């Protein structure tokens, strides 16, 4: 069999291809067009780099490690800033990316306290890049009143030798910073990138961003970021989602956090297979759409009630994860009062804003 590569398609050291990227015609293996290769699940190590998934909401006041867009944390020690989802509204300077994250100081805010952000990769996703050339890239722009000195932010790729640490809140063991970029932003989207060879001992990688404002915030003191990508190779390729598709990206995010709600109904079902064990406590279970990274360690919730098999409903006062929980199905104790013991039950939301959220973050 004659085997050959076509001369009209260019490819770089470090590019990753799958079986679907080639075909066999008349005994010759032909590499398909580079546009086919640009959108490949798994090429980008950054989950939710396109800011598509926002399970927790779309606007936040960052404090000590607030999760905003899925997998993205923000930290500011004082009030007066907002992190929100925005539509990019730009098909000229972006490769069809719909959403971005806006990081802003509220108009009139006088605090110059730095706003930090981080995205921490699991060790299992970091180790394959150890000892290899890696390219980090992203798109960014500024608001008309952006107050960063010289219209710059500082954004870096950081590495370490620990296991599953949080780059924003704890930093890394033996932390190194192989790539640091201080781009000068304009009001038009630009792409920025840097390349480095990652140390062979690396077991964790994260993205760390700093916005150090000055003066008093104007009405548009913000920067926006999207299309964040970390990939093997020494050249930035077209941005693609880590999960390949929106559904794949959502599943990747739900490995770390899952929120269940029913926005279409004020009494939507959130947990079933429940049983009232005392007049003040009921157990109920929520199946998970994907296996989470570990058994969930955090629970957040709002506007819940327990309804028993006779239709009696009582409001939930507190809730906690119980020990008979796994990474695929979560058991929760819902506390209320005046319930009838030994009845089957389910848990629903009281309003369209009710939810249950389970976290298995780093």
Protein backbone atom coordinates (compact mmCIF):
# COMPACT_ATOMS: atom_id res chain seq x y z
CA UNK A 1 0.00 0.00 0.00
CA UNK A 2 1.30 3.44 -0.89
CA UNK A 3 1.04 5.83 2.04
CA UNK A 4 1.45 9.59 1.64
CA UNK A 5 0.47 13.00 3.03
CA UNK A 6 -0.95 15.70 0.77
CA UNK A 7 1.19 18.74 0.01
CA UNK A 8 -1.64 21.30 0.17
CA UNK A 9 -2.46 20.94 3.87
CA UNK A 10 -0.09 22.33 6.49
CA UNK A 11 0.18 20.93 9.97
CA UNK A 12 2.38 21.81 12.91
CA UNK A 13 4.32 19.84 15.48
CA UNK A 14 2.03 19.14 18.40
CA UNK A 15 -1.23 19.12 16.38
CA UNK A 16 -3.56 16.37 17.55
CA UNK A 17 -5.64 14.39 15.06
CA UNK A 18 -8.22 11.65 15.41
CA UNK A 19 -9.21 8.75 13.19
CA UNK A 20 -11.98 10.86 11.66
CA UNK A 21 -9.40 13.36 10.39
CA UNK A 22 -8.12 11.01 7.67
CA UNK A 23 -9.56 8.89 4.91
CA UNK A 24 -8.19 6.10 2.78
CA UNK A 25 -8.65 6.58 -0.96
CA UNK A 26 -7.12 4.11 -3.41
CA UNK A 27 -4.57 2.99 -0.87
CA UNK A 28 -3.41 6.50 0.04
CA UNK A 29 -4.10 8.09 3.44
CA UNK A 30 -5.16 11.73 2.98
CA UNK A 31 -5.28 14.33 5.73
CA UNK A 32 -8.55 16.25 5.54
CA UNK A 33 -8.77 20.04 5.47
CA UNK A 34 -7.39 22.06 8.34
CA UNK A 35 -10.86 23.52 9.01
CA UNK A 36 -12.01 20.02 9.91
CA UNK A 37 -9.20 19.75 12.44
CA UNK A 38 -9.87 23.09 14.13
CA UNK A 39 -12.90 21.90 16.09
CA UNK A 40 -11.86 18.79 17.92
CA UNK A 41 -13.12 17.66 21.31
CA UNK A 42 -10.27 17.53 23.77
CA UNK A 43 -7.85 19.78 21.87
CA UNK A 44 -8.51 22.61 24.33
CA UNK A 45 -7.66 21.77 27.94
CA UNK A 46 -9.71 24.70 29.29
CA UNK A 47 -13.27 23.68 30.11
CA UNK A 48 -15.80 26.42 29.29
CA UNK A 49 -13.21 28.60 27.58
CA UNK A 50 -16.00 30.06 25.42
CA UNK A 51 -18.00 31.11 28.51
CA UNK A 52 -21.04 29.15 27.30
CA UNK A 53 -22.12 27.48 30.56
CA UNK A 54 -23.38 29.50 33.55
CA UNK A 55 -25.25 27.04 35.78
CA UNK A 56 -25.12 29.28 38.86
CA UNK A 57 -26.49 32.44 37.21
CA UNK A 58 -25.24 35.19 34.90
CA UNK A 59 -24.24 38.05 37.23
CA UNK A 60 -22.17 37.96 40.43
CA UNK A 61 -20.47 40.14 43.01
CA UNK A 62 -17.07 38.45 43.39
CA UNK A 63 -15.74 37.82 46.88
CA UNK A 64 -13.42 35.08 48.14
CA UNK A 65 -13.38 32.59 45.30
CA UNK A 66 -16.83 33.10 43.77
CA UNK A 67 -17.68 30.73 40.92
CA UNK A 68 -19.27 32.60 38.02
CA UNK A 69 -19.20 31.00 34.59
CA UNK A 70 -18.65 27.29 35.21
CA UNK A 71 -15.03 26.48 36.15
CA UNK A 72 -14.14 30.19 36.52
CA UNK A 73 -13.54 31.69 39.96
CA UNK A 74 -13.16 35.35 40.95
CA UNK A 75 -11.72 36.95 44.06
CA UNK A 76 -11.92 40.52 45.34
CA UNK A 77 -11.56 41.41 49.00
CA UNK A 78 -13.94 44.38 48.79
CA UNK A 79 -17.33 45.09 47.26
CA UNK A 80 -17.97 47.27 44.24
CA UNK A 81 -17.38 44.97 41.27
CA UNK A 82 -19.46 42.69 39.07
CA UNK A 83 -18.72 39.63 36.94
CA UNK A 84 -21.36 38.93 34.30
CA UNK A 85 -22.15 37.08 31.10
CA UNK A 86 -22.33 39.22 27.98
CA UNK A 87 -23.03 38.61 24.31
CA UNK A 88 -19.94 39.31 22.18
CA UNK A 89 -21.88 40.82 19.26
CA UNK A 90 -18.85 40.45 17.00
CA UNK A 91 -18.59 38.05 14.07
CA UNK A 92 -15.72 39.94 12.47
CA UNK A 93 -12.99 39.67 15.10
CA UNK A 94 -14.11 36.47 16.83
CA UNK A 95 -14.48 32.93 15.44
CA UNK A 96 -18.25 32.73 16.06
CA UNK A 97 -18.05 32.86 19.85
CA UNK A 98 -21.39 33.89 21.35
CA UNK A 99 -20.57 34.75 24.97
CA UNK A 100 -17.85 36.37 27.03
CA UNK A 101 -17.23 37.23 30.68
CA UNK A 102 -17.24 40.90 31.65
CA UNK A 103 -15.18 41.85 34.72
CA UNK A 104 -16.09 45.35 35.84
CA UNK A 105 -15.79 47.87 38.62
CA UNK A 106 -19.14 49.39 39.42
CA UNK A 107 -19.49 52.99 38.30
CA UNK A 108 -18.20 55.33 41.00
CA UNK A 109 -16.24 52.64 42.85
CA UNK A 110 -13.07 54.14 44.32
CA UNK A 111 -11.36 50.99 45.58
CA UNK A 112 -8.26 50.01 43.64
CA UNK A 113 -8.19 46.52 45.14
CA UNK A 114 -7.17 43.97 42.49
CA UNK A 115 -9.76 41.64 40.96
CA UNK A 116 -8.35 38.14 40.46
CA UNK A 117 -9.65 35.14 38.55
CA UNK A 118 -8.61 31.53 38.11
CA UNK A 119 -9.40 28.36 36.23
CA UNK A 120 -7.83 25.24 37.75
CA UNK A 121 -7.24 22.08 35.73
CA UNK A 122 -7.34 18.65 37.31
CA UNK A 123 -4.05 16.81 37.48
CA UNK A 124 -5.44 14.15 35.13
CA UNK A 125 -5.87 16.86 32.48
CA UNK A 126 -2.56 18.58 33.23
CA UNK A 127 -0.13 15.66 33.20
CA UNK A 128 -0.49 14.97 29.43
CA UNK A 129 1.08 18.41 28.79
CA UNK A 130 4.14 17.85 31.01
CA UNK A 131 7.41 18.22 29.14
CA UNK A 132 5.69 19.45 25.96
CA UNK A 133 5.29 22.71 24.08
CA UNK A 134 2.01 24.36 25.04
CA UNK A 135 0.24 27.39 23.60
CA UNK A 136 -2.06 29.57 25.68
CA UNK A 137 -4.41 31.96 23.86
CA UNK A 138 -7.49 34.09 24.49
CA UNK A 139 -9.54 37.01 23.16
CA UNK A 140 -10.04 40.21 25.16
CA UNK A 141 -11.23 43.78 24.85
CA UNK A 142 -11.85 46.72 27.19
CA UNK A 143 -14.70 49.06 28.01
CA UNK A 144 -14.50 52.75 27.17
CA UNK A 145 -13.54 53.65 30.77
CA UNK A 146 -11.24 50.72 31.52
CA UNK A 147 -8.88 51.86 34.28
CA UNK A 148 -6.18 49.21 34.21
CA UNK A 149 -2.76 50.86 34.08
CA UNK A 150 -1.68 51.25 30.42
CA UNK A 151 -4.97 49.53 29.48
CA UNK A 152 -3.46 46.21 30.53
CA UNK A 153 -4.42 43.11 32.44
CA UNK A 154 -1.98 40.43 33.57
CA UNK A 155 -2.84 36.86 32.69
CA UNK A 156 -0.59 33.86 33.21
CA UNK A 157 -0.40 30.11 32.83
CA UNK A 158 0.83 28.60 36.09
CA UNK A 159 2.06 25.11 36.85
CA UNK A 160 2.85 23.03 39.91
CA UNK A 161 3.73 19.59 41.18
CA UNK A 162 0.86 18.95 43.60
CA UNK A 163 -2.43 17.16 42.99
CA UNK A 164 -5.73 18.85 42.13
CA UNK A 165 -4.97 22.14 43.85
CA UNK A 166 -6.77 25.45 43.33
CA UNK A 167 -4.62 27.98 41.46
CA UNK A 168 -6.60 30.97 42.74
CA UNK A 169 -7.18 30.17 46.41
CA UNK A 170 -4.15 28.11 47.44
CA UNK A 171 -1.64 28.30 44.60
CA UNK A 172 0.47 25.34 43.59
CA UNK A 173 3.26 23.32 45.15
CA UNK A 174 6.54 24.34 43.46
CA UNK A 175 4.59 26.90 41.46
CA UNK A 176 6.11 28.13 38.20
CA UNK A 177 4.81 30.67 35.69
CA UNK A 178 5.99 29.61 32.21
CA UNK A 179 3.71 32.07 30.37
CA UNK A 180 2.80 35.62 31.44
CA UNK A 181 0.99 38.02 29.11
CA UNK A 182 0.25 41.70 29.76
CA UNK A 183 -1.79 42.63 26.70
CA UNK A 184 -2.72 46.21 25.93
CA UNK A 185 -6.46 46.11 25.39
CA UNK A 186 -8.52 48.15 22.96
CA UNK A 187 -12.30 48.36 22.58
CA UNK A 188 -12.03 45.87 19.69
CA UNK A 189 -11.59 42.14 20.26
CA UNK A 190 -7.99 41.00 19.84
CA UNK A 191 -6.38 37.60 20.22
CA UNK A 192 -3.31 37.21 22.40
CA UNK A 193 -1.10 34.13 22.81
CA UNK A 194 2.08 32.79 24.33
CA UNK A 195 4.02 29.53 24.07
CA UNK A 196 6.31 27.68 26.44
CA UNK A 197 7.60 24.20 27.15
CA UNK A 198 6.03 22.88 30.33
CA UNK A 199 8.37 21.33 32.91
CA UNK A 200 8.49 17.54 32.84
CA UNK A 201 7.52 17.27 36.52
CA UNK A 202 4.30 19.28 36.06
CA UNK A 203 1.15 17.71 37.50
CA UNK A 204 -1.20 20.71 37.60
CA UNK A 205 -1.91 23.71 35.39
CA UNK A 206 -4.12 26.77 35.85
CA UNK A 207 -4.95 30.18 34.42
CA UNK A 208 -4.54 33.22 36.70
CA UNK A 209 -5.72 36.75 35.81
CA UNK A 210 -5.25 40.12 37.56
CA UNK A 211 -7.03 43.42 36.92
CA UNK A 212 -5.50 46.21 39.03
CA UNK A 213 -7.73 49.29 38.63
CA UNK A 214 -6.75 52.87 39.29
CA UNK A 215 -8.74 55.98 40.18
CA UNK A 216 -12.54 56.10 40.28
CA UNK A 217 -14.54 53.77 38.04
CA UNK A 218 -16.43 55.23 35.12
CA UNK A 219 -19.58 53.80 33.56
CA UNK A 220 -17.64 51.27 31.45
CA UNK A 221 -14.65 50.30 33.59
CA UNK A 222 -14.35 46.69 32.52
CA UNK A 223 -12.55 44.12 30.43
CA UNK A 224 -14.13 41.17 28.63
CA UNK A 225 -12.55 37.80 27.90
CA UNK A 226 -13.50 34.69 25.93
CA UNK A 227 -12.05 32.00 23.67
CA UNK A 228 -9.54 30.87 26.30
CA UNK A 229 -7.52 27.91 25.05
CA UNK A 230 -4.57 25.83 26.23
CA UNK A 231 -3.36 23.30 23.67
CA UNK A 232 -0.37 21.20 22.73
CA UNK A 233 1.90 22.71 20.11
CA UNK A 234 3.73 25.96 19.49
CA UNK A 235 1.09 27.71 17.37
CA UNK A 236 -2.42 28.84 18.40
CA UNK A 237 -5.12 27.11 16.36
CA UNK A 238 -8.75 28.11 15.91
CA UNK A 239 -10.61 28.15 19.22
CA UNK A 240 -12.76 25.11 20.01
CA UNK A 241 -14.62 23.91 23.08
CA UNK A 242 -13.05 21.26 25.29
CA UNK A 243 -16.24 19.22 24.94
CA UNK A 244 -16.54 19.72 21.19
CA UNK A 245 -20.23 20.68 21.37
CA UNK A 246 -22.43 22.62 23.78
CA UNK A 247 -23.74 19.34 25.18
CA UNK A 248 -20.20 18.05 25.60
CA UNK A 249 -19.13 21.27 27.31
CA UNK A 250 -22.11 21.10 29.68
CA UNK A 251 -21.22 17.51 30.60
CA UNK A 252 -17.62 18.56 31.27
CA UNK A 253 -18.85 21.33 33.58
CA UNK A 254 -21.29 19.03 35.38
CA UNK A 255 -18.38 16.83 36.41
CA UNK A 256 -17.53 19.67 38.85
CA UNK A 257 -20.91 21.27 39.54
CA UNK A 258 -24.51 20.34 38.85
CA UNK A 259 -27.55 22.48 39.51
CA UNK A 260 -31.06 21.12 39.09
CA UNK A 261 -34.03 23.44 38.73
CA UNK A 262 -37.17 23.76 36.65
CA UNK A 263 -37.42 27.28 35.32
CA UNK A 264 -40.72 26.57 33.60
CA UNK A 265 -42.66 25.70 36.75
CA UNK A 266 -42.98 27.14 40.25
CA UNK A 267 -43.40 23.62 41.67
CA UNK A 268 -40.90 21.70 39.53
CA UNK A 269 -39.55 18.39 40.85
CA UNK A 270 -35.94 18.49 42.07
CA UNK A 271 -35.48 15.29 44.12
CA UNK A 272 -37.47 12.06 44.34
CA UNK A 273 -37.36 8.61 45.94
CA UNK A 274 -37.83 10.37 49.27
CA UNK A 275 -38.94 9.13 52.67
CA UNK A 276 -39.91 11.07 55.80
CA UNK A 277 -37.90 9.62 58.67
CA UNK A 278 -38.99 11.99 61.45
CA UNK A 279 -41.45 14.86 61.74
CA UNK A 280 -38.54 17.19 61.06
CA UNK A 281 -36.45 15.36 58.46
CA UNK A 282 -36.86 13.67 55.09
CA UNK A 283 -34.33 11.92 52.86
CA UNK A 284 -34.55 12.22 49.07
CA UNK A 285 -32.25 11.48 46.13
CA UNK A 286 -31.21 13.32 42.99
CA UNK A 287 -29.66 11.30 40.12
CA UNK A 288 -26.78 13.02 38.38
CA UNK A 289 -26.50 13.46 34.59
CA UNK A 290 -22.76 12.63 34.65
CA UNK A 291 -20.41 11.08 37.19
CA UNK A 292 -18.91 13.91 39.22
CA UNK A 293 -15.19 14.33 39.86
CA UNK A 294 -15.56 13.11 43.45
CA UNK A 295 -18.46 12.61 45.84
CA UNK A 296 -19.93 16.14 46.10
CA UNK A 297 -18.60 18.16 49.01
CA UNK A 298 -20.83 21.25 48.84
CA UNK A 299 -24.57 21.87 48.62
CA UNK A 300 -26.35 25.11 47.79
CA UNK A 301 -30.11 25.51 47.51
CA UNK A 302 -33.05 27.90 47.59
CA UNK A 303 -36.86 27.89 47.84
CA UNK A 304 -37.56 24.18 48.45
CA UNK A 305 -40.45 22.22 49.92
CA UNK A 306 -41.24 18.59 50.77
CA UNK A 307 -44.49 17.08 49.50
CA UNK A 308 -45.59 13.71 50.88
CA UNK A 309 -47.66 11.03 49.15
CA UNK A 310 -50.89 12.53 50.57
CA UNK A 311 -50.09 15.92 49.00
CA UNK A 312 -49.11 17.69 52.22
CA UNK A 313 -46.39 20.28 51.56
CA UNK A 314 -43.99 21.87 54.06
CA UNK A 315 -41.21 24.39 53.43
CA UNK A 316 -37.59 23.25 53.74
CA UNK A 317 -35.61 25.18 56.35
CA UNK A 318 -32.17 23.58 55.94
CA UNK A 319 -30.60 20.81 53.88
CA UNK A 320 -27.39 18.77 53.93
CA UNK A 321 -25.77 15.95 51.97
CA UNK A 322 -26.07 12.59 53.73
CA UNK A 323 -23.45 9.86 53.95
CA UNK A 324 -25.19 7.47 51.55
CA UNK A 325 -24.13 9.58 48.59
CA UNK A 326 -21.99 8.73 45.58
CA UNK A 327 -20.59 10.53 42.55
CA UNK A 328 -23.61 9.36 40.54
CA UNK A 329 -26.56 9.83 42.92
CA UNK A 330 -26.83 12.30 45.76
CA UNK A 331 -28.81 11.80 48.95
CA UNK A 332 -29.92 14.91 50.81
CA UNK A 333 -31.55 15.40 54.20
CA UNK A 334 -34.24 18.07 53.99
CA UNK A 335 -35.28 19.56 57.33
CA UNK A 336 -38.75 20.98 57.88
CA UNK A 337 -41.40 20.75 60.61
CA UNK A 338 -44.74 19.09 61.04
CA UNK A 339 -44.13 16.31 58.54
CA UNK A 340 -45.78 12.88 58.94
CA UNK A 341 -43.27 10.09 59.46
CA UNK A 342 -43.07 6.93 57.35
CA UNK A 343 -44.49 8.53 54.23
CA UNK A 344 -42.91 8.60 50.81
CA UNK A 345 -42.19 12.10 49.49
CA UNK A 346 -40.48 14.21 46.89
CA UNK A 347 -38.82 17.64 46.91
CA UNK A 348 -39.83 20.49 44.64
CA UNK A 349 -39.04 24.15 44.20
CA UNK A 350 -41.43 26.68 45.68
CA UNK A 351 -40.81 29.25 42.94
CA UNK A 352 -39.11 29.36 39.57
CA UNK A 353 -35.98 30.47 41.43
CA UNK A 354 -35.70 27.31 43.52
CA UNK A 355 -32.77 24.97 42.94
CA UNK A 356 -30.40 22.32 44.29
CA UNK A 357 -26.72 22.65 43.49
CA UNK A 358 -23.95 20.10 44.12
CA UNK A 359 -20.24 20.90 43.99
CA UNK A 360 -17.20 18.70 43.45
CA UNK A 361 -14.80 21.52 42.59
CA UNK A 362 -11.04 21.56 43.15
